[in-house]
Amino acid sequence: MPRKLGALALVLAVAATAHAQTDKTARPAAAPVAPTLPAEGKKFVAGWIGQWTSNDATFTSGGQKMQGRLRMACESVSSGWGALCRETADMQGMPPSASTFLMGWDVGTGEAHMFEIADTAEVHDHSGKWIDDRSVSLVRQGRTADGKDEKDDCTATWPSARELKLDCTGTQAGATVWTFSTTMRK
């Protein structure tokens, strides 16, 4: 008799398993939890959103100081995980130029990213961290269009929600080869 009970238990277990596998009312597995952008990432991305204008842009290179103006329009993308910015620049002594920037926050590294594509032969990925409650340091190490090693170091500072200050320096072999600064306003 005990052997019959063991066999019956096995048959019932197999039947229950088969029924559970074919039961259409069985609950599906829980959906994975969506990732969330941390506060420092939200602050970085949101800081770029809006229509920006600057009439005080200054670019210095090779002993020449060129002044001009910028216009930049930034919109939220990827459900708030990024900002897509389109910029036009009109600098004295240079042809008009256009750039596109994609700003985002890498949750894995805890770093800000500013990916830049410009019609001046620049494709750069700057990255970095908050250096205080209003400023982010964004650095890119790479090669120029003519193959020279260069470090670009930009600091984006938000003195207020309607003001964005950019200060950038390009160095080659430790020597400054260019600087750029501007204050943009909404």
Protein backbone atom coordinates (compact mmCIF):
# COMPACT_ATOMS: atom_id res chain seq x y z
CA MET A 1 0.00 0.00 0.00
CA PRO A 2 2.69 2.59 0.76
CA ARG A 3 4.09 2.06 -2.71
CA LYS A 4 0.71 2.91 -4.25
CA LEU A 5 0.53 6.14 -2.23
CA GLY A 6 4.01 7.14 -3.43
CA ALA A 7 3.02 6.53 -7.05
CA LEU A 8 -0.23 8.45 -6.54
CA ALA A 9 1.68 11.40 -5.07
CA LEU A 10 4.02 11.38 -8.07
CA VAL A 11 1.09 11.30 -10.52
CA LEU A 12 -0.64 14.16 -8.70
CA ALA A 13 2.57 16.26 -8.69
CA VAL A 14 3.10 15.72 -12.44
CA ALA A 15 -0.55 16.54 -13.15
CA ALA A 16 -0.40 19.73 -11.08
CA THR A 17 2.77 20.83 -12.87
CA ALA A 18 1.28 20.12 -16.29
CA HIS A 19 -1.90 22.00 -15.35
CA ALA A 20 0.07 25.02 -14.12
CA GLN A 21 2.01 25.13 -17.39
CA THR A 22 -1.16 25.12 -19.51
CA ASP A 23 -3.36 27.27 -17.25
CA LYS A 24 -4.10 30.47 -19.18
CA THR A 25 -5.11 32.30 -16.01
CA ALA A 26 -1.71 31.85 -14.39
CA ARG A 27 -0.18 35.20 -13.42
CA PRO A 28 2.68 36.37 -15.63
CA ALA A 29 6.03 37.05 -14.06
CA ALA A 30 6.33 40.55 -12.63
CA ALA A 31 7.71 43.13 -15.06
CA PRO A 32 11.20 44.33 -14.27
CA VAL A 33 11.40 47.58 -12.35
CA ALA A 34 12.16 50.53 -14.64
CA PRO A 35 15.42 52.31 -13.83
CA THR A 36 15.21 55.81 -12.43
CA LEU A 37 17.45 58.75 -13.17
CA PRO A 38 19.12 59.88 -9.94
CA ALA A 39 18.66 63.46 -8.73
CA GLU A 40 22.13 64.55 -9.91
CA GLY A 41 21.37 63.20 -13.39
CA LYS A 42 17.95 64.89 -13.51
CA LYS A 43 19.55 68.17 -12.48
CA PHE A 44 22.19 67.90 -15.22
CA VAL A 45 19.78 66.99 -18.02
CA ALA A 46 17.07 69.49 -16.99
CA GLY A 47 19.63 72.30 -16.76
CA TRP A 48 20.04 72.30 -20.55
CA ILE A 49 16.35 72.37 -21.56
CA GLY A 50 15.17 75.60 -23.16
CA GLN A 51 16.00 78.29 -25.73
CA TRP A 52 19.40 79.86 -25.03
CA THR A 53 21.01 83.00 -26.47
CA SER A 54 24.45 84.51 -26.01
CA ASN A 55 25.89 87.73 -27.39
CA ASP A 56 29.20 87.46 -25.50
CA ALA A 57 30.81 84.28 -26.84
CA THR A 58 34.61 84.55 -26.97
CA PHE A 59 36.92 82.09 -28.73
CA THR A 60 40.68 82.59 -28.48
CA SER A 61 43.17 80.62 -30.60
CA GLY A 62 46.65 81.34 -31.89
CA GLY A 63 46.70 84.77 -30.29
CA GLN A 64 43.45 85.79 -31.98
CA LYS A 65 40.40 86.70 -29.93
CA MET A 66 37.12 86.23 -31.80
CA GLN A 67 33.80 87.35 -30.42
CA GLY A 68 30.32 86.39 -31.49
CA ARG A 69 26.92 85.07 -30.61
CA LEU A 70 25.27 81.71 -30.10
CA ARG A 71 21.76 80.36 -30.26
CA MET A 72 20.97 76.98 -28.75
CA ALA A 73 17.66 75.13 -28.49
CA CYS A 74 17.53 72.11 -26.17
CA GLU A 75 14.66 69.67 -25.77
CA SER A 76 14.02 66.70 -23.52
CA VAL A 77 14.51 63.29 -25.19
CA SER A 78 14.33 59.62 -24.24
CA SER A 79 11.61 60.09 -21.61
CA GLY A 80 13.66 62.69 -19.74
CA TRP A 81 16.94 60.75 -19.75
CA GLY A 82 18.61 63.19 -22.15
CA ALA A 83 18.61 66.64 -23.72
CA LEU A 84 19.12 67.18 -27.45
CA CYS A 85 20.59 70.60 -28.25
CA ARG A 86 21.07 72.30 -31.60
CA GLU A 87 23.40 75.28 -31.65
CA THR A 88 24.37 77.86 -34.24
CA ALA A 89 27.37 80.13 -33.80
CA ASP A 90 28.35 83.30 -35.59
CA MET A 91 31.88 84.23 -34.53
CA GLN A 92 33.88 87.15 -35.90
CA GLY A 93 36.54 85.96 -38.38
CA MET A 94 35.03 82.48 -38.73
CA PRO A 95 32.33 81.05 -40.99
CA PRO A 96 28.93 80.41 -39.33
CA SER A 97 28.84 76.97 -37.72
CA ALA A 98 26.31 74.46 -36.46
CA SER A 99 26.66 71.88 -33.68
CA THR A 100 24.45 69.21 -32.17
CA PHE A 101 24.84 68.08 -28.57
CA LEU A 102 23.31 65.16 -26.72
CA MET A 103 23.45 65.46 -22.93
CA GLY A 104 22.86 62.48 -20.68
CA TRP A 105 23.72 60.85 -17.37
CA ASP A 106 25.47 57.48 -17.10
CA VAL A 107 23.91 55.81 -14.05
CA GLY A 108 26.60 53.11 -13.96
CA THR A 109 29.51 55.54 -13.63
CA GLY A 110 27.64 58.47 -12.04
CA GLU A 111 28.91 60.78 -14.78
CA ALA A 112 27.48 63.46 -17.01
CA HIS A 113 28.03 63.18 -20.77
CA MET A 114 28.05 65.85 -23.44
CA PHE A 115 28.30 64.24 -26.88
CA GLU A 116 29.16 66.85 -29.51
CA ILE A 117 29.00 66.76 -33.31
CA ALA A 118 29.99 69.95 -35.13
CA ASP A 119 30.45 70.99 -38.73
CA THR A 120 33.97 72.06 -37.68
CA ALA A 121 35.11 68.38 -37.88
CA GLU A 122 34.54 67.74 -34.17
CA VAL A 123 32.94 64.60 -32.74
CA HIS A 124 33.62 64.50 -29.02
CA ASP A 125 32.28 62.73 -25.95
CA HIS A 126 32.97 64.86 -22.88
CA SER A 127 32.25 63.30 -19.50
CA GLY A 128 32.61 64.23 -15.88
CA LYS A 129 31.02 64.92 -12.53
CA TRP A 130 29.47 67.70 -10.52
CA ILE A 131 32.25 69.75 -8.91
CA ASP A 132 29.84 71.73 -6.71
CA ASP A 133 26.07 72.29 -6.55
CA ARG A 134 26.04 74.46 -9.73
CA SER A 135 28.94 73.28 -11.91
CA VAL A 136 29.84 70.17 -13.90
CA SER A 137 33.31 69.46 -15.28
CA LEU A 138 33.17 67.80 -18.72
CA VAL A 139 36.47 66.50 -20.11
CA ARG A 140 37.36 64.91 -23.41
CA GLN A 141 40.76 63.41 -24.24
CA GLY A 142 41.32 62.58 -27.91
CA ARG A 143 42.69 63.68 -31.24
CA THR A 144 41.98 66.79 -33.26
CA ALA A 145 40.94 66.62 -36.92
CA ASP A 146 44.63 66.99 -37.83
CA GLY A 147 45.65 64.12 -35.52
CA LYS A 148 47.08 66.02 -32.54
CA ASP A 149 46.43 64.76 -29.01
CA GLU A 150 44.20 67.24 -27.21
CA LYS A 151 42.42 67.54 -23.91
CA ASP A 152 39.23 69.63 -23.90
CA ASP A 153 38.06 70.68 -20.47
CA CYS A 154 34.68 72.43 -20.21
CA THR A 155 32.88 73.61 -17.11
CA ALA A 156 29.14 74.20 -17.35
CA THR A 157 27.81 76.40 -14.54
CA TRP A 158 24.20 77.38 -13.86
CA PRO A 159 24.30 80.62 -11.81
CA SER A 160 20.48 80.52 -12.03
CA ALA A 161 17.78 78.51 -13.80
CA ARG A 162 17.82 81.05 -16.65
CA GLU A 163 21.59 81.41 -17.05
CA LEU A 164 24.25 78.96 -18.27
CA LYS A 165 27.95 79.79 -18.30
CA LEU A 166 30.44 77.72 -20.32
CA ASP A 167 34.20 77.94 -19.87
CA CYS A 168 36.32 75.60 -22.00
CA THR A 169 40.04 75.14 -22.55
CA GLY A 170 41.86 73.02 -25.12
CA THR A 171 45.39 71.88 -24.35
CA GLN A 172 48.00 70.03 -26.37
CA ALA A 173 51.15 68.69 -24.68
CA GLY A 174 50.16 70.68 -21.59
CA ALA A 175 49.99 74.04 -23.41
CA THR A 176 46.70 75.93 -23.88
CA VAL A 177 45.90 76.19 -27.60
CA TRP A 178 42.38 77.63 -27.37
CA THR A 179 39.78 78.91 -24.92
CA PHE A 180 36.04 79.45 -25.23
CA SER A 181 33.67 81.21 -22.85
CA THR A 182 30.12 82.43 -22.96
CA THR A 183 27.13 83.14 -20.77
CA MET A 184 23.82 82.07 -22.30
CA ARG A 185 20.41 83.17 -21.11
CA LYS A 186 16.86 81.93 -21.60
